[in-house]
Amino acid sequence: MSGSPWVRPYVLTAGRTRAKRHLFVHTLVSVGRYDPVYAAKLLPEARRLYERAHAAVESVAELSAHCEVPLGVTRVLLGDLIATDRVLIVSETESPFDRGLLERVIDGLHQLA
């Protein structure tokens, strides 16, 4: 986060750890109609995401990296923007990975550590 190294992620998300809508890292988002008045009212991190999504269609992961906002925070903030119809989902496909299998692999790795 380029604003202040002292701002914790939970402050930016009001303590929320889950987005209103699950977003995959490869979900593509954009801004249909940019509203500068609305943008001015956003927190700096949300504003950077909103403006970057307006400039180009990008994935959640790309927005997170380019805007220097942690991925979890990016998901929560984008979820808020999507819920207010400020950001649009351009493409969202189901994950090609079996979630149950991945969780079992992670559990196994934790047991080995």
PDB file of N, CA and C in Angstrom:
ATOM      1  N   MET A   1       0.863  -1.172   0.000  1.00  0.00           N
ATOM      2  CA  MET A   1       0.000   0.000   0.000  1.00  0.00           C
ATOM      3  C   MET A   1       0.900   1.222   0.000  1.00  0.00           C
ATOM      4  N   SER A   2       0.760   2.016  -0.970  1.00  0.00           N
ATOM      5  CA  SER A   2       1.666   3.142  -1.120  1.00  0.00           C
ATOM      6  C   SER A   2       1.287   4.343  -0.265  1.00  0.00           C
ATOM      7  N   GLY A   3       0.078   4.394   0.285  1.00  0.00           N
ATOM      8  CA  GLY A   3      -0.347   5.535   1.091  1.00  0.00           C
ATOM      9  C   GLY A   3       0.471   5.683   2.347  1.00  0.00           C
ATOM     10  N   SER A   4       0.311   4.780   3.286  1.00  0.00           N
ATOM     11  CA  SER A   4       1.027   4.810   4.541  1.00  0.00           C
ATOM     12  C   SER A   4       1.336   3.385   4.956  1.00  0.00           C
ATOM     13  N   PRO A   5       2.585   3.130   5.361  1.00  0.00           N
ATOM     14  CA  PRO A   5       2.914   1.766   5.776  1.00  0.00           C
ATOM     15  C   PRO A   5       2.259   1.381   7.098  1.00  0.00           C
ATOM     16  N   TRP A   6       1.646   2.331   7.772  1.00  0.00           N
ATOM     17  CA  TRP A   6       1.051   2.076   9.078  1.00  0.00           C
ATOM     18  C   TRP A   6      -0.426   1.706   8.994  1.00  0.00           C
ATOM     19  N   VAL A   7      -1.047   1.853   7.850  1.00  0.00           N
ATOM     20  CA  VAL A   7      -2.464   1.528   7.701  1.00  0.00           C
ATOM     21  C   VAL A   7      -2.606   0.023   7.514  1.00  0.00           C
ATOM     22  N   ARG A   8      -3.353  -0.607   8.392  1.00  0.00           N
ATOM     23  CA  ARG A   8      -3.557  -2.045   8.328  1.00  0.00           C
ATOM     24  C   ARG A   8      -4.706  -2.374   7.374  1.00  0.00           C
ATOM     25  N   PRO A   9      -4.617  -3.538   6.704  1.00  0.00           N
ATOM     26  CA  PRO A   9      -5.674  -3.911   5.759  1.00  0.00           C
ATOM     27  C   PRO A   9      -7.075  -3.904   6.359  1.00  0.00           C
ATOM     28  N   TYR A  10      -7.222  -4.332   7.621  1.00  0.00           N
ATOM     29  CA  TYR A  10      -8.568  -4.381   8.202  1.00  0.00           C
ATOM     30  C   TYR A  10      -9.167  -2.996   8.388  1.00  0.00           C
ATOM     31  N   VAL A  11      -8.318  -1.970   8.434  1.00  0.00           N
ATOM     32  CA  VAL A  11      -8.834  -0.596   8.522  1.00  0.00           C
ATOM     33  C   VAL A  11      -9.474  -0.213   7.189  1.00  0.00           C
ATOM     34  N   LEU A  12      -8.845  -0.618   6.101  1.00  0.00           N
ATOM     35  CA  LEU A  12      -9.341  -0.279   4.762  1.00  0.00           C
ATOM     36  C   LEU A  12     -10.644  -0.990   4.425  1.00  0.00           C
ATOM     37  N   THR A  13     -10.872  -2.136   5.059  1.00  0.00           N
ATOM     38  CA  THR A  13     -12.072  -2.922   4.759  1.00  0.00           C
ATOM     39  C   THR A  13     -13.090  -2.898   5.894  1.00  0.00           C
ATOM     40  N   ALA A  14     -12.884  -2.026   6.855  1.00  0.00           N
ATOM     41  CA  ALA A  14     -13.761  -1.929   8.034  1.00  0.00           C
ATOM     42  C   ALA A  14     -13.857  -3.272   8.759  1.00  0.00           C
ATOM     43  N   GLY A  15     -12.750  -3.985   8.796  1.00  0.00           N
ATOM     44  CA  GLY A  15     -12.691  -5.255   9.502  1.00  0.00           C
ATOM     45  C   GLY A  15     -13.202  -6.448   8.722  1.00  0.00           C
ATOM     46  N   ARG A  16     -13.700  -6.232   7.518  1.00  0.00           N
ATOM     47  CA  ARG A  16     -14.236  -7.338   6.713  1.00  0.00           C
ATOM     48  C   ARG A  16     -13.102  -8.106   6.051  1.00  0.00           C
ATOM     49  N   THR A  17     -13.239  -9.405   5.995  1.00  0.00           N
ATOM     50  CA  THR A  17     -12.237 -10.238   5.334  1.00  0.00           C
ATOM     51  C   THR A  17     -12.787 -10.915   4.090  1.00  0.00           C
ATOM     52  N   ARG A  18     -14.083 -10.833   3.893  1.00  0.00           N
ATOM     53  CA  ARG A  18     -14.722 -11.457   2.735  1.00  0.00           C
ATOM     54  C   ARG A  18     -15.445 -10.401   1.908  1.00  0.00           C
ATOM     55  N   ALA A  19     -15.323 -10.557   0.601  1.00  0.00           N
ATOM     56  CA  ALA A  19     -16.014  -9.651  -0.311  1.00  0.00           C
ATOM     57  C   ALA A  19     -17.496 -10.013  -0.364  1.00  0.00           C
ATOM     58  N   LYS A  20     -18.306  -9.061  -0.767  1.00  0.00           N
ATOM     59  CA  LYS A  20     -19.742  -9.311  -0.920  1.00  0.00           C
ATOM     60  C   LYS A  20     -20.007 -10.336  -2.014  1.00  0.00           C
ATOM     61  N   ARG A  21     -19.055 -10.468  -2.888  1.00  0.00           N
ATOM     62  CA  ARG A  21     -19.148 -11.434  -3.982  1.00  0.00           C
ATOM     63  C   ARG A  21     -17.774 -12.057  -4.156  1.00  0.00           C
ATOM     64  N   HIS A  22     -17.717 -13.384  -4.283  1.00  0.00           N
ATOM     65  CA  HIS A  22     -16.421 -14.035  -4.462  1.00  0.00           C
ATOM     66  C   HIS A  22     -15.845 -13.666  -5.827  1.00  0.00           C
ATOM     67  N   LEU A  23     -14.618 -13.209  -5.810  1.00  0.00           N
ATOM     68  CA  LEU A  23     -13.941 -12.847  -7.051  1.00  0.00           C
ATOM     69  C   LEU A  23     -12.680 -13.695  -7.196  1.00  0.00           C
ATOM     70  N   PHE A  24     -12.563 -14.379  -8.316  1.00  0.00           N
ATOM     71  CA  PHE A  24     -11.342 -15.120  -8.605  1.00  0.00           C
ATOM     72  C   PHE A  24     -10.248 -14.130  -8.975  1.00  0.00           C
ATOM     73  N   VAL A  25      -9.004 -14.538  -8.846  1.00  0.00           N
ATOM     74  CA  VAL A  25      -7.897 -13.644  -9.203  1.00  0.00           C
ATOM     75  C   VAL A  25      -7.901 -13.340 -10.698  1.00  0.00           C
ATOM     76  N   HIS A  26      -8.480 -14.233 -11.498  1.00  0.00           N
ATOM     77  CA  HIS A  26      -8.495 -14.032 -12.946  1.00  0.00           C
ATOM     78  C   HIS A  26      -9.778 -13.361 -13.446  1.00  0.00           C
ATOM     79  N   THR A  27     -10.680 -12.999 -12.530  1.00  0.00           N
ATOM     80  CA  THR A  27     -11.907 -12.300 -12.932  1.00  0.00           C
ATOM     81  C   THR A  27     -11.549 -10.945 -13.528  1.00  0.00           C
ATOM     82  N   LEU A  28     -12.072 -10.655 -14.700  1.00  0.00           N
ATOM     83  CA  LEU A  28     -11.817  -9.375 -15.361  1.00  0.00           C
ATOM     84  C   LEU A  28     -12.893  -8.370 -14.988  1.00  0.00           C
ATOM     85  N   VAL A  29     -12.462  -7.157 -14.665  1.00  0.00           N
ATOM     86  CA  VAL A  29     -13.403  -6.108 -14.278  1.00  0.00           C
ATOM     87  C   VAL A  29     -13.086  -4.816 -15.031  1.00  0.00           C
ATOM     88  N   SER A  30     -14.092  -3.954 -15.124  1.00  0.00           N
ATOM     89  CA  SER A  30     -13.914  -2.646 -15.746  1.00  0.00           C
ATOM     90  C   SER A  30     -14.935  -1.679 -15.160  1.00  0.00           C
ATOM     91  N   VAL A  31     -14.805  -0.435 -15.532  1.00  0.00           N
ATOM     92  CA  VAL A  31     -15.755   0.597 -15.120  1.00  0.00           C
ATOM     93  C   VAL A  31     -16.509   1.032 -16.363  1.00  0.00           C
ATOM     94  N   GLY A  32     -17.832   0.923 -16.325  1.00  0.00           N
ATOM     95  CA  GLY A  32     -18.644   1.304 -17.472  1.00  0.00           C
ATOM     96  C   GLY A  32     -18.734   2.809 -17.651  1.00  0.00           C
ATOM     97  N   ARG A  33     -19.177   3.478 -16.604  1.00  0.00           N
ATOM     98  CA  ARG A  33     -19.327   4.933 -16.655  1.00  0.00           C
ATOM     99  C   ARG A  33     -18.580   5.520 -15.467  1.00  0.00           C
ATOM    100  N   TYR A  34     -17.492   6.192 -15.758  1.00  0.00           N
ATOM    101  CA  TYR A  34     -16.655   6.775 -14.705  1.00  0.00           C
ATOM    102  C   TYR A  34     -17.309   8.032 -14.142  1.00  0.00           C
ATOM    103  N   ASP A  35     -17.337   8.133 -12.828  1.00  0.00           N
ATOM    104  CA  ASP A  35     -17.936   9.272 -12.144  1.00  0.00           C
ATOM    105  C   ASP A  35     -16.874   9.927 -11.260  1.00  0.00           C
ATOM    106  N   PRO A  36     -16.303  11.063 -11.681  1.00  0.00           N
ATOM    107  CA  PRO A  36     -15.239  11.708 -10.903  1.00  0.00           C
ATOM    108  C   PRO A  36     -15.695  12.194  -9.526  1.00  0.00           C
ATOM    109  N   VAL A  37     -16.959  12.567  -9.391  1.00  0.00           N
ATOM    110  CA  VAL A  37     -17.480  13.003  -8.087  1.00  0.00           C
ATOM    111  C   VAL A  37     -17.500  11.820  -7.124  1.00  0.00           C
ATOM    112  N   TYR A  38     -17.948  10.673  -7.613  1.00  0.00           N
ATOM    113  CA  TYR A  38     -17.951   9.455  -6.808  1.00  0.00           C
ATOM    114  C   TYR A  38     -16.520   9.060  -6.441  1.00  0.00           C
ATOM    115  N   ALA A  39     -15.622   9.129  -7.411  1.00  0.00           N
ATOM    116  CA  ALA A  39     -14.224   8.757  -7.175  1.00  0.00           C
ATOM    117  C   ALA A  39     -13.599   9.607  -6.074  1.00  0.00           C
ATOM    118  N   ALA A  40     -13.916  10.872  -6.040  1.00  0.00           N
ATOM    119  CA  ALA A  40     -13.344  11.780  -5.042  1.00  0.00           C
ATOM    120  C   ALA A  40     -13.765  11.419  -3.615  1.00  0.00           C
ATOM    121  N   LYS A  41     -14.882  10.724  -3.473  1.00  0.00           N
ATOM    122  CA  LYS A  41     -15.387  10.352  -2.148  1.00  0.00           C
ATOM    123  C   LYS A  41     -14.798   9.043  -1.633  1.00  0.00           C
ATOM    124  N   LEU A  42     -14.100   8.303  -2.486  1.00  0.00           N
ATOM    125  CA  LEU A  42     -13.568   6.998  -2.114  1.00  0.00           C
ATOM    126  C   LEU A  42     -12.274   7.115  -1.317  1.00  0.00           C
ATOM    127  N   LEU A  43     -11.980   6.081  -0.528  1.00  0.00           N
ATOM    128  CA  LEU A  43     -10.669   5.984   0.110  1.00  0.00           C
ATOM    129  C   LEU A  43      -9.620   5.919  -0.985  1.00  0.00           C
ATOM    130  N   PRO A  44      -8.399   6.367  -0.716  1.00  0.00           N
ATOM    131  CA  PRO A  44      -7.371   6.370  -1.766  1.00  0.00           C
ATOM    132  C   PRO A  44      -7.177   5.009  -2.449  1.00  0.00           C
ATOM    133  N   GLU A  45      -7.197   3.928  -1.685  1.00  0.00           N
ATOM    134  CA  GLU A  45      -6.997   2.599  -2.264  1.00  0.00           C
ATOM    135  C   GLU A  45      -8.148   2.223  -3.189  1.00  0.00           C
ATOM    136  N   ALA A  46      -9.372   2.472  -2.761  1.00  0.00           N
ATOM    137  CA  ALA A  46     -10.539   2.179  -3.600  1.00  0.00           C
ATOM    138  C   ALA A  46     -10.545   3.074  -4.830  1.00  0.00           C
ATOM    139  N   ARG A  47     -10.118   4.317  -4.665  1.00  0.00           N
ATOM    140  CA  ARG A  47     -10.062   5.245  -5.795  1.00  0.00           C
ATOM    141  C   ARG A  47      -9.055   4.757  -6.835  1.00  0.00           C
ATOM    142  N   ARG A  48      -7.892   4.292  -6.391  1.00  0.00           N
ATOM    143  CA  ARG A  48      -6.889   3.776  -7.341  1.00  0.00           C
ATOM    144  C   ARG A  48      -7.445   2.584  -8.114  1.00  0.00           C
ATOM    145  N   LEU A  49      -8.122   1.675  -7.421  1.00  0.00           N
ATOM    146  CA  LEU A  49      -8.715   0.518  -8.098  1.00  0.00           C
ATOM    147  C   LEU A  49      -9.778   0.955  -9.102  1.00  0.00           C
ATOM    148  N   TYR A  50     -10.636   1.877  -8.691  1.00  0.00           N
ATOM    149  CA  TYR A  50     -11.719   2.380  -9.538  1.00  0.00           C
ATOM    150  C   TYR A  50     -11.153   3.055 -10.791  1.00  0.00           C
ATOM    151  N   GLU A  51     -10.160   3.890 -10.607  1.00  0.00           N
ATOM    152  CA  GLU A  51      -9.577   4.611 -11.744  1.00  0.00           C
ATOM    153  C   GLU A  51      -8.810   3.679 -12.669  1.00  0.00           C
ATOM    154  N   ARG A  52      -8.096   2.718 -12.111  1.00  0.00           N
ATOM    155  CA  ARG A  52      -7.341   1.769 -12.928  1.00  0.00           C
ATOM    156  C   ARG A  52      -8.301   0.883 -13.732  1.00  0.00           C
ATOM    157  N   ALA A  53      -9.395   0.451 -13.112  1.00  0.00           N
ATOM    158  CA  ALA A  53     -10.383  -0.372 -13.817  1.00  0.00           C
ATOM    159  C   ALA A  53     -11.082   0.431 -14.912  1.00  0.00           C
ATOM    160  N   HIS A  54     -11.130   1.739 -14.741  1.00  0.00           N
ATOM    161  CA  HIS A  54     -11.699   2.598 -15.776  1.00  0.00           C
ATOM    162  C   HIS A  54     -10.750   2.718 -16.965  1.00  0.00           C
ATOM    163  N   ALA A  55      -9.466   2.758 -16.679  1.00  0.00           N
ATOM    164  CA  ALA A  55      -8.466   2.942 -17.736  1.00  0.00           C
ATOM    165  C   ALA A  55      -8.348   1.715 -18.644  1.00  0.00           C
ATOM    166  N   ALA A  56      -8.512   0.524 -18.063  1.00  0.00           N
ATOM    167  CA  ALA A  56      -8.359  -0.696 -18.862  1.00  0.00           C
ATOM    168  C   ALA A  56      -9.048  -1.858 -18.164  1.00  0.00           C
ATOM    169  N   VAL A  57      -9.474  -2.823 -18.951  1.00  0.00           N
ATOM    170  CA  VAL A  57     -10.027  -4.051 -18.389  1.00  0.00           C
ATOM    171  C   VAL A  57      -8.855  -4.852 -17.835  1.00  0.00           C
ATOM    172  N   GLU A  58      -8.941  -5.182 -16.544  1.00  0.00           N
ATOM    173  CA  GLU A  58      -7.862  -5.937 -15.912  1.00  0.00           C
ATOM    174  C   GLU A  58      -8.435  -6.961 -14.953  1.00  0.00           C
ATOM    175  N   SER A  59      -7.616  -7.941 -14.638  1.00  0.00           N
ATOM    176  CA  SER A  59      -8.029  -8.957 -13.671  1.00  0.00           C
ATOM    177  C   SER A  59      -7.886  -8.409 -12.257  1.00  0.00           C
ATOM    178  N   VAL A  60      -8.526  -9.082 -11.328  1.00  0.00           N
ATOM    179  CA  VAL A  60      -8.437  -8.703  -9.921  1.00  0.00           C
ATOM    180  C   VAL A  60      -6.974  -8.705  -9.478  1.00  0.00           C
ATOM    181  N   ALA A  61      -6.220  -9.720  -9.875  1.00  0.00           N
ATOM    182  CA  ALA A  61      -4.807  -9.816  -9.495  1.00  0.00           C
ATOM    183  C   ALA A  61      -3.985  -8.664 -10.084  1.00  0.00           C
ATOM    184  N   GLU A  62      -4.250  -8.319 -11.340  1.00  0.00           N
ATOM    185  CA  GLU A  62      -3.520  -7.208 -11.968  1.00  0.00           C
ATOM    186  C   GLU A  62      -3.825  -5.888 -11.266  1.00  0.00           C
ATOM    187  N   LEU A  63      -5.084  -5.662 -10.953  1.00  0.00           N
ATOM    188  CA  LEU A  63      -5.455  -4.432 -10.249  1.00  0.00           C
ATOM    189  C   LEU A  63      -4.760  -4.373  -8.898  1.00  0.00           C
ATOM    190  N   SER A  64      -4.750  -5.474  -8.185  1.00  0.00           N
ATOM    191  CA  SER A  64      -4.105  -5.540  -6.881  1.00  0.00           C
ATOM    192  C   SER A  64      -2.629  -5.171  -6.996  1.00  0.00           C
ATOM    193  N   ALA A  65      -1.948  -5.769  -7.961  1.00  0.00           N
ATOM    194  CA  ALA A  65      -0.512  -5.525  -8.134  1.00  0.00           C
ATOM    195  C   ALA A  65      -0.221  -4.098  -8.582  1.00  0.00           C
ATOM    196  N   HIS A  66      -0.927  -3.631  -9.588  1.00  0.00           N
ATOM    197  CA  HIS A  66      -0.663  -2.287 -10.117  1.00  0.00           C
ATOM    198  C   HIS A  66      -1.001  -1.187  -9.115  1.00  0.00           C
ATOM    199  N   CYS A  67      -2.021  -1.398  -8.319  1.00  0.00           N
ATOM    200  CA  CYS A  67      -2.456  -0.377  -7.363  1.00  0.00           C
ATOM    201  C   CYS A  67      -1.785  -0.535  -5.997  1.00  0.00           C
ATOM    202  N   GLU A  68      -0.976  -1.586  -5.862  1.00  0.00           N
ATOM    203  CA  GLU A  68      -0.260  -1.854  -4.614  1.00  0.00           C
ATOM    204  C   GLU A  68      -1.212  -1.984  -3.425  1.00  0.00           C
ATOM    205  N   VAL A  69      -2.297  -2.712  -3.656  1.00  0.00           N
ATOM    206  CA  VAL A  69      -3.290  -2.983  -2.627  1.00  0.00           C
ATOM    207  C   VAL A  69      -3.286  -4.498  -2.424  1.00  0.00           C
ATOM    208  N   PRO A  70      -3.193  -4.977  -1.171  1.00  0.00           N
ATOM    209  CA  PRO A  70      -3.200  -6.427  -0.949  1.00  0.00           C
ATOM    210  C   PRO A  70      -4.400  -7.098  -1.612  1.00  0.00           C
ATOM    211  N   LEU A  71      -4.198  -8.324  -2.070  1.00  0.00           N
ATOM    212  CA  LEU A  71      -5.237  -9.031  -2.821  1.00  0.00           C
ATOM    213  C   LEU A  71      -6.536  -9.154  -2.034  1.00  0.00           C
ATOM    214  N   GLY A  72      -6.474  -9.498  -0.769  1.00  0.00           N
ATOM    215  CA  GLY A  72      -7.690  -9.622   0.036  1.00  0.00           C
ATOM    216  C   GLY A  72      -8.443  -8.311   0.139  1.00  0.00           C
ATOM    217  N   VAL A  73      -7.704  -7.225   0.314  1.00  0.00           N
ATOM    218  CA  VAL A  73      -8.318  -5.895   0.384  1.00  0.00           C
ATOM    219  C   VAL A  73      -8.912  -5.535  -0.975  1.00  0.00           C
ATOM    220  N   THR A  74      -8.196  -5.853  -2.035  1.00  0.00           N
ATOM    221  CA  THR A  74      -8.684  -5.581  -3.389  1.00  0.00           C
ATOM    222  C   THR A  74     -10.022  -6.277  -3.618  1.00  0.00           C
ATOM    223  N   ARG A  75     -10.118  -7.533  -3.208  1.00  0.00           N
ATOM    224  CA  ARG A  75     -11.368  -8.279  -3.394  1.00  0.00           C
ATOM    225  C   ARG A  75     -12.529  -7.632  -2.636  1.00  0.00           C
ATOM    226  N   VAL A  76     -12.270  -7.212  -1.395  1.00  0.00           N
ATOM    227  CA  VAL A  76     -13.332  -6.590  -0.600  1.00  0.00           C
ATOM    228  C   VAL A  76     -13.753  -5.262  -1.214  1.00  0.00           C
ATOM    229  N   LEU A  77     -12.775  -4.414  -1.569  1.00  0.00           N
ATOM    230  CA  LEU A  77     -13.094  -3.098  -2.120  1.00  0.00           C
ATOM    231  C   LEU A  77     -13.788  -3.213  -3.478  1.00  0.00           C
ATOM    232  N   LEU A  78     -13.312  -4.135  -4.328  1.00  0.00           N
ATOM    233  CA  LEU A  78     -13.984  -4.338  -5.618  1.00  0.00           C
ATOM    234  C   LEU A  78     -15.388  -4.892  -5.411  1.00  0.00           C
ATOM    235  N   GLY A  79     -15.563  -5.769  -4.426  1.00  0.00           N
ATOM    236  CA  GLY A  79     -16.891  -6.282  -4.116  1.00  0.00           C
ATOM    237  C   GLY A  79     -17.858  -5.162  -3.763  1.00  0.00           C
ATOM    238  N   ASP A  80     -17.355  -4.175  -3.003  1.00  0.00           N
ATOM    239  CA  ASP A  80     -18.185  -3.015  -2.661  1.00  0.00           C
ATOM    240  C   ASP A  80     -18.544  -2.217  -3.909  1.00  0.00           C
ATOM    241  N   LEU A  81     -17.557  -2.016  -4.778  1.00  0.00           N
ATOM    242  CA  LEU A  81     -17.789  -1.239  -6.003  1.00  0.00           C
ATOM    243  C   LEU A  81     -18.735  -1.976  -6.952  1.00  0.00           C
ATOM    244  N   ILE A  82     -18.633  -3.294  -6.993  1.00  0.00           N
ATOM    245  CA  ILE A  82     -19.533  -4.089  -7.833  1.00  0.00           C
ATOM    246  C   ILE A  82     -20.956  -4.025  -7.276  1.00  0.00           C
ATOM    247  N   ALA A  83     -21.076  -4.082  -5.958  1.00  0.00           N
ATOM    248  CA  ALA A  83     -22.403  -4.044  -5.317  1.00  0.00           C
ATOM    249  C   ALA A  83     -23.130  -2.734  -5.585  1.00  0.00           C
ATOM    250  N   THR A  84     -22.380  -1.661  -5.820  1.00  0.00           N
ATOM    251  CA  THR A  84     -22.996  -0.362  -6.112  1.00  0.00           C
ATOM    252  C   THR A  84     -23.053  -0.096  -7.617  1.00  0.00           C
ATOM    253  N   ASP A  85     -22.762  -1.118  -8.412  1.00  0.00           N
ATOM    254  CA  ASP A  85     -22.779  -1.020  -9.881  1.00  0.00           C
ATOM    255  C   ASP A  85     -21.789  -0.003 -10.434  1.00  0.00           C
ATOM    256  N   ARG A  86     -20.712   0.250  -9.708  1.00  0.00           N
ATOM    257  CA  ARG A  86     -19.680   1.172 -10.194  1.00  0.00           C
ATOM    258  C   ARG A  86     -18.624   0.434 -11.008  1.00  0.00           C
ATOM    259  N   VAL A  87     -18.428  -0.838 -10.688  1.00  0.00           N
ATOM    260  CA  VAL A  87     -17.474  -1.680 -11.402  1.00  0.00           C
ATOM    261  C   VAL A  87     -18.248  -2.865 -11.952  1.00  0.00           C
ATOM    262  N   LEU A  88     -17.919  -3.250 -13.167  1.00  0.00           N
ATOM    263  CA  LEU A  88     -18.609  -4.339 -13.854  1.00  0.00           C
ATOM    264  C   LEU A  88     -17.703  -5.549 -13.998  1.00  0.00           C
ATOM    265  N   ILE A  89     -18.278  -6.718 -13.862  1.00  0.00           N
ATOM    266  CA  ILE A  89     -17.530  -7.943 -14.136  1.00  0.00           C
ATOM    267  C   ILE A  89     -17.621  -8.186 -15.630  1.00  0.00           C
ATOM    268  N   VAL A  90     -16.469  -8.242 -16.280  1.00  0.00           N
ATOM    269  CA  VAL A  90     -16.416  -8.448 -17.724  1.00  0.00           C
ATOM    270  C   VAL A  90     -16.425  -9.933 -18.035  1.00  0.00           C
ATOM    271  N   SER A  91     -15.661 -10.687 -17.280  1.00  0.00           N
ATOM    272  CA  SER A  91     -15.567 -12.119 -17.533  1.00  0.00           C
ATOM    273  C   SER A  91     -15.306 -12.832 -16.227  1.00  0.00           C
ATOM    274  N   GLU A  92     -16.121 -13.838 -15.980  1.00  0.00           N
ATOM    275  CA  GLU A  92     -15.910 -14.643 -14.781  1.00  0.00           C
ATOM    276  C   GLU A  92     -16.258 -16.076 -15.134  1.00  0.00           C
ATOM    277  N   THR A  93     -15.269 -16.900 -15.062  1.00  0.00           N
ATOM    278  CA  THR A  93     -15.493 -18.311 -15.338  1.00  0.00           C
ATOM    279  C   THR A  93     -15.234 -19.089 -14.060  1.00  0.00           C
ATOM    280  N   GLU A  94     -15.842 -20.235 -13.986  1.00  0.00           N
ATOM    281  CA  GLU A  94     -15.614 -21.081 -12.822  1.00  0.00           C
ATOM    282  C   GLU A  94     -14.150 -21.492 -12.791  1.00  0.00           C
ATOM    283  N   SER A  95     -13.626 -21.622 -11.605  1.00  0.00           N
ATOM    284  CA  SER A  95     -12.250 -22.052 -11.441  1.00  0.00           C
ATOM    285  C   SER A  95     -12.093 -23.453 -12.025  1.00  0.00           C
ATOM    286  N   PRO A  96     -11.012 -23.691 -12.765  1.00  0.00           N
ATOM    287  CA  PRO A  96     -10.803 -25.018 -13.333  1.00  0.00           C
ATOM    288  C   PRO A  96     -10.290 -26.018 -12.300  1.00  0.00           C
ATOM    289  N   PHE A  97     -10.080 -25.572 -11.053  1.00  0.00           N
ATOM    290  CA  PHE A  97      -9.498 -26.406 -10.024  1.00  0.00           C
ATOM    291  C   PHE A  97     -10.558 -26.921  -9.065  1.00  0.00           C
ATOM    292  N   ASP A  98     -10.379 -28.151  -8.618  1.00  0.00           N
ATOM    293  CA  ASP A  98     -11.278 -28.757  -7.643  1.00  0.00           C
ATOM    294  C   ASP A  98     -10.916 -28.204  -6.266  1.00  0.00           C
ATOM    295  N   ARG A  99     -11.783 -27.391  -5.713  1.00  0.00           N
ATOM    296  CA  ARG A  99     -11.507 -26.731  -4.431  1.00  0.00           C
ATOM    297  C   ARG A  99     -11.234 -27.737  -3.312  1.00  0.00           C
ATOM    298  N   GLY A 100     -12.006 -28.803  -3.277  1.00  0.00           N
ATOM    299  CA  GLY A 100     -11.815 -29.827  -2.249  1.00  0.00           C
ATOM    300  C   GLY A 100     -10.438 -30.460  -2.327  1.00  0.00           C
ATOM    301  N   LEU A 101     -10.003 -30.764  -3.546  1.00  0.00           N
ATOM    302  CA  LEU A 101      -8.679 -31.350  -3.737  1.00  0.00           C
ATOM    303  C   LEU A 101      -7.590 -30.387  -3.289  1.00  0.00           C
ATOM    304  N   LEU A 102      -7.721 -29.132  -3.669  1.00  0.00           N
ATOM    305  CA  LEU A 102      -6.715 -28.141  -3.273  1.00  0.00           C
ATOM    306  C   LEU A 102      -6.654 -27.988  -1.758  1.00  0.00           C
ATOM    307  N   GLU A 103      -7.795 -28.001  -1.094  1.00  0.00           N
ATOM    308  CA  GLU A 103      -7.810 -27.883   0.367  1.00  0.00           C
ATOM    309  C   GLU A 103      -7.149 -29.090   1.019  1.00  0.00           C
ATOM    310  N   ARG A 104      -7.365 -30.292   0.456  1.00  0.00           N
ATOM    311  CA  ARG A 104      -6.722 -31.488   1.004  1.00  0.00           C
ATOM    312  C   ARG A 104      -5.211 -31.429   0.812  1.00  0.00           C
ATOM    313  N   VAL A 105      -4.759 -30.920  -0.336  1.00  0.00           N
ATOM    314  CA  VAL A 105      -3.322 -30.780  -0.585  1.00  0.00           C
ATOM    315  C   VAL A 105      -2.713 -29.792   0.411  1.00  0.00           C
ATOM    316  N   ILE A 106      -3.375 -28.668   0.622  1.00  0.00           N
ATOM    317  CA  ILE A 106      -2.879 -27.666   1.566  1.00  0.00           C
ATOM    318  C   ILE A 106      -2.825 -28.245   2.973  1.00  0.00           C
ATOM    319  N   ASP A 107      -3.866 -28.966   3.375  1.00  0.00           N
ATOM    320  CA  ASP A 107      -3.875 -29.603   4.702  1.00  0.00           C
ATOM    321  C   ASP A 107      -2.716 -30.581   4.832  1.00  0.00           C
ATOM    322  N   GLY A 108      -2.473 -31.361   3.783  1.00  0.00           N
ATOM    323  CA  GLY A 108      -1.357 -32.305   3.800  1.00  0.00           C
ATOM    324  C   GLY A 108      -0.016 -31.609   3.922  1.00  0.00           C
ATOM    325  N   LEU A 109       0.137 -30.497   3.232  1.00  0.00           N
ATOM    326  CA  LEU A 109       1.382 -29.737   3.314  1.00  0.00           C
ATOM    327  C   LEU A 109       1.576 -29.150   4.709  1.00  0.00           C
ATOM    328  N   HIS A 110       0.503 -28.714   5.330  1.00  0.00           N
ATOM    329  CA  HIS A 110       0.594 -28.193   6.696  1.00  0.00           C
ATOM    330  C   HIS A 110       1.029 -29.289   7.656  1.00  0.00           C
ATOM    331  N   GLN A 111       0.540 -30.497   7.444  1.00  0.00           N
ATOM    332  CA  GLN A 111       0.915 -31.621   8.308  1.00  0.00           C
ATOM    333  C   GLN A 111       2.378 -31.996   8.147  1.00  0.00           C
ATOM    334  N   LEU A 112       2.921 -31.816   6.948  1.00  0.00           N
ATOM    335  CA  LEU A 112       4.326 -32.118   6.705  1.00  0.00           C
ATOM    336  C   LEU A 112       5.262 -31.069   7.296  1.00  0.00           C
ATOM    337  N   ALA A 113       4.772 -29.866   7.427  1.00  0.00           N
ATOM    338  CA  ALA A 113       5.632 -28.761   7.899  1.00  0.00           C
ATOM    339  C   ALA A 113       5.902 -28.825   9.381  1.00  0.00           C
TER     340      ALA A 113
END
